[in-house]
Amino acid sequence: MGYSFENIIAWQKAHEFTLNVYKTTNKFPKEELFSLTSQFRRAAISIEANIAEGSKRISRKAKLNYFNISQGSLEECRNYIILSRDLGYLEESNASSLFHQIEVTSKFLN
């Protein structure tokens, strides 16, 4: 297999984060399905999707734009973690684990 976005460590970390967001949000109250759960999942997916899309852009400026969008989605997820924790949907240990994944992904993305 040739070069693929799947070889990018930042994408791999973002994908792990997305899988954990899905596992975590499966435990959220059902009334959050079309609000917080949906928004949180969409933001997580956006991180890895923009890394994948940006990886095939030819110009450095275009690549950086997509990676910058991924950073924005990381921060959006940080907000959803805080909100979920404060609403009592996430235990502190789960929130800390997700925060750590965000930090790691962000470092690889930079």
Protein backbone atom coordinates (compact mmCIF):
# COMPACT_ATOMS: atom_id res chain seq x y z
CA MET A 1 0.00 0.00 0.00
CA GLY A 2 1.34 3.43 -0.95
CA TYR A 3 1.15 6.65 0.95
CA SER A 4 -2.19 7.21 2.64
CA PHE A 5 -3.57 9.56 5.24
CA GLU A 6 -3.74 6.45 7.43
CA ASN A 7 0.05 6.67 7.73
CA ILE A 8 -0.15 10.11 9.35
CA ILE A 9 0.29 9.80 13.11
CA ALA A 10 -1.96 12.81 13.76
CA TRP A 11 -4.75 11.06 11.80
CA GLN A 12 -4.18 7.83 13.77
CA LYS A 13 -4.44 9.72 17.07
CA ALA A 14 -7.52 11.61 15.86
CA HIS A 15 -9.13 8.33 14.80
CA GLU A 16 -8.50 6.81 18.24
CA PHE A 17 -10.02 9.91 19.80
CA THR A 18 -13.10 9.66 17.56
CA LEU A 19 -13.60 6.01 18.50
CA ASN A 20 -13.40 6.97 22.19
CA VAL A 21 -15.88 9.82 21.67
CA TYR A 22 -18.33 7.33 20.15
CA LYS A 23 -17.86 4.90 23.07
CA THR A 24 -18.24 7.71 25.58
CA THR A 25 -21.30 9.31 24.00
CA ASN A 26 -23.07 5.94 23.77
CA LYS A 27 -23.56 6.36 27.53
CA PHE A 28 -25.06 9.86 27.28
CA PRO A 29 -28.77 10.29 27.98
CA LYS A 30 -30.98 9.51 24.99
CA GLU A 31 -32.42 13.02 25.04
CA GLU A 32 -28.94 14.26 24.05
CA LEU A 33 -28.81 12.11 20.90
CA PHE A 34 -29.70 14.93 18.51
CA SER A 35 -27.89 17.67 20.39
CA LEU A 36 -24.71 17.20 22.44
CA THR A 37 -24.04 13.62 21.32
CA SER A 38 -24.44 14.50 17.66
CA GLN A 39 -22.38 17.71 17.88
CA PHE A 40 -19.58 16.02 19.83
CA ARG A 41 -19.35 13.16 17.33
CA ARG A 42 -19.43 15.48 14.32
CA ALA A 43 -16.62 17.61 15.73
CA ALA A 44 -14.50 14.51 16.42
CA ILE A 45 -15.09 13.19 12.92
CA SER A 46 -14.15 16.59 11.51
CA ILE A 47 -10.69 16.34 13.07
CA GLU A 48 -9.68 13.19 11.25
CA ALA A 49 -11.62 14.01 8.06
CA ASN A 50 -9.81 17.32 7.63
CA ILE A 51 -6.44 15.68 8.22
CA ALA A 52 -7.30 13.11 5.55
CA GLU A 53 -8.51 15.72 3.08
CA GLY A 54 -5.62 18.08 3.74
CA SER A 55 -3.07 15.32 3.27
CA LYS A 56 -3.82 15.18 -0.46
CA ARG A 57 -3.69 18.91 -1.06
CA ILE A 58 -0.73 19.91 -3.18
CA SER A 59 0.05 23.36 -1.85
CA ARG A 60 1.46 23.84 1.63
CA LYS A 61 -1.03 26.66 2.24
CA ALA A 62 -4.01 24.39 1.45
CA LYS A 63 -2.64 21.60 3.66
CA LEU A 64 -2.15 24.02 6.55
CA ASN A 65 -5.68 25.35 6.12
CA TYR A 66 -7.18 21.87 6.56
CA PHE A 67 -4.91 21.10 9.50
CA ASN A 68 -5.93 24.43 11.06
CA ILE A 69 -9.60 23.44 10.69
CA SER A 70 -8.73 20.19 12.51
CA GLN A 71 -7.22 22.22 15.35
CA GLY A 72 -10.46 24.20 15.57
CA SER A 73 -12.44 20.97 15.81
CA LEU A 74 -10.10 19.78 18.57
CA GLU A 75 -10.96 22.90 20.55
CA GLU A 76 -14.65 22.38 19.86
CA CYS A 77 -14.30 18.88 21.32
CA ARG A 78 -12.48 20.30 24.35
CA ASN A 79 -15.57 22.45 24.96
CA TYR A 80 -17.88 19.43 24.64
CA ILE A 81 -15.77 17.50 27.15
CA ILE A 82 -16.04 20.33 29.66
CA LEU A 83 -19.79 20.62 29.07
CA SER A 84 -20.32 16.86 29.32
CA ARG A 85 -18.32 16.71 32.53
CA ASP A 86 -20.17 19.66 34.05
CA LEU A 87 -23.54 18.14 33.12
CA GLY A 88 -22.53 14.92 34.89
CA TYR A 89 -22.36 12.81 31.72
CA LEU A 90 -18.61 12.24 32.06
CA GLU A 91 -16.61 11.27 35.11
CA GLU A 92 -13.47 13.31 35.75
CA SER A 93 -11.22 10.36 34.84
CA ASN A 94 -12.93 9.97 31.44
CA ALA A 95 -12.71 13.71 30.82
CA SER A 96 -9.00 13.69 31.71
CA SER A 97 -8.36 10.81 29.34
CA LEU A 98 -10.13 12.63 26.48
CA PHE A 99 -8.28 15.88 27.27
CA HIS A 100 -5.01 13.96 27.09
CA GLN A 101 -5.93 12.53 23.69
CA ILE A 102 -6.70 16.03 22.44
CA GLU A 103 -3.29 17.27 23.59
CA VAL A 104 -1.46 14.39 21.94
CA THR A 105 -3.38 14.78 18.68
CA SER A 106 -2.79 18.52 18.66
CA LYS A 107 0.97 18.08 19.12
CA PHE A 108 1.19 15.65 16.22
CA LEU A 109 -0.94 17.93 14.09
CA ASN A 110 1.42 20.86 14.70
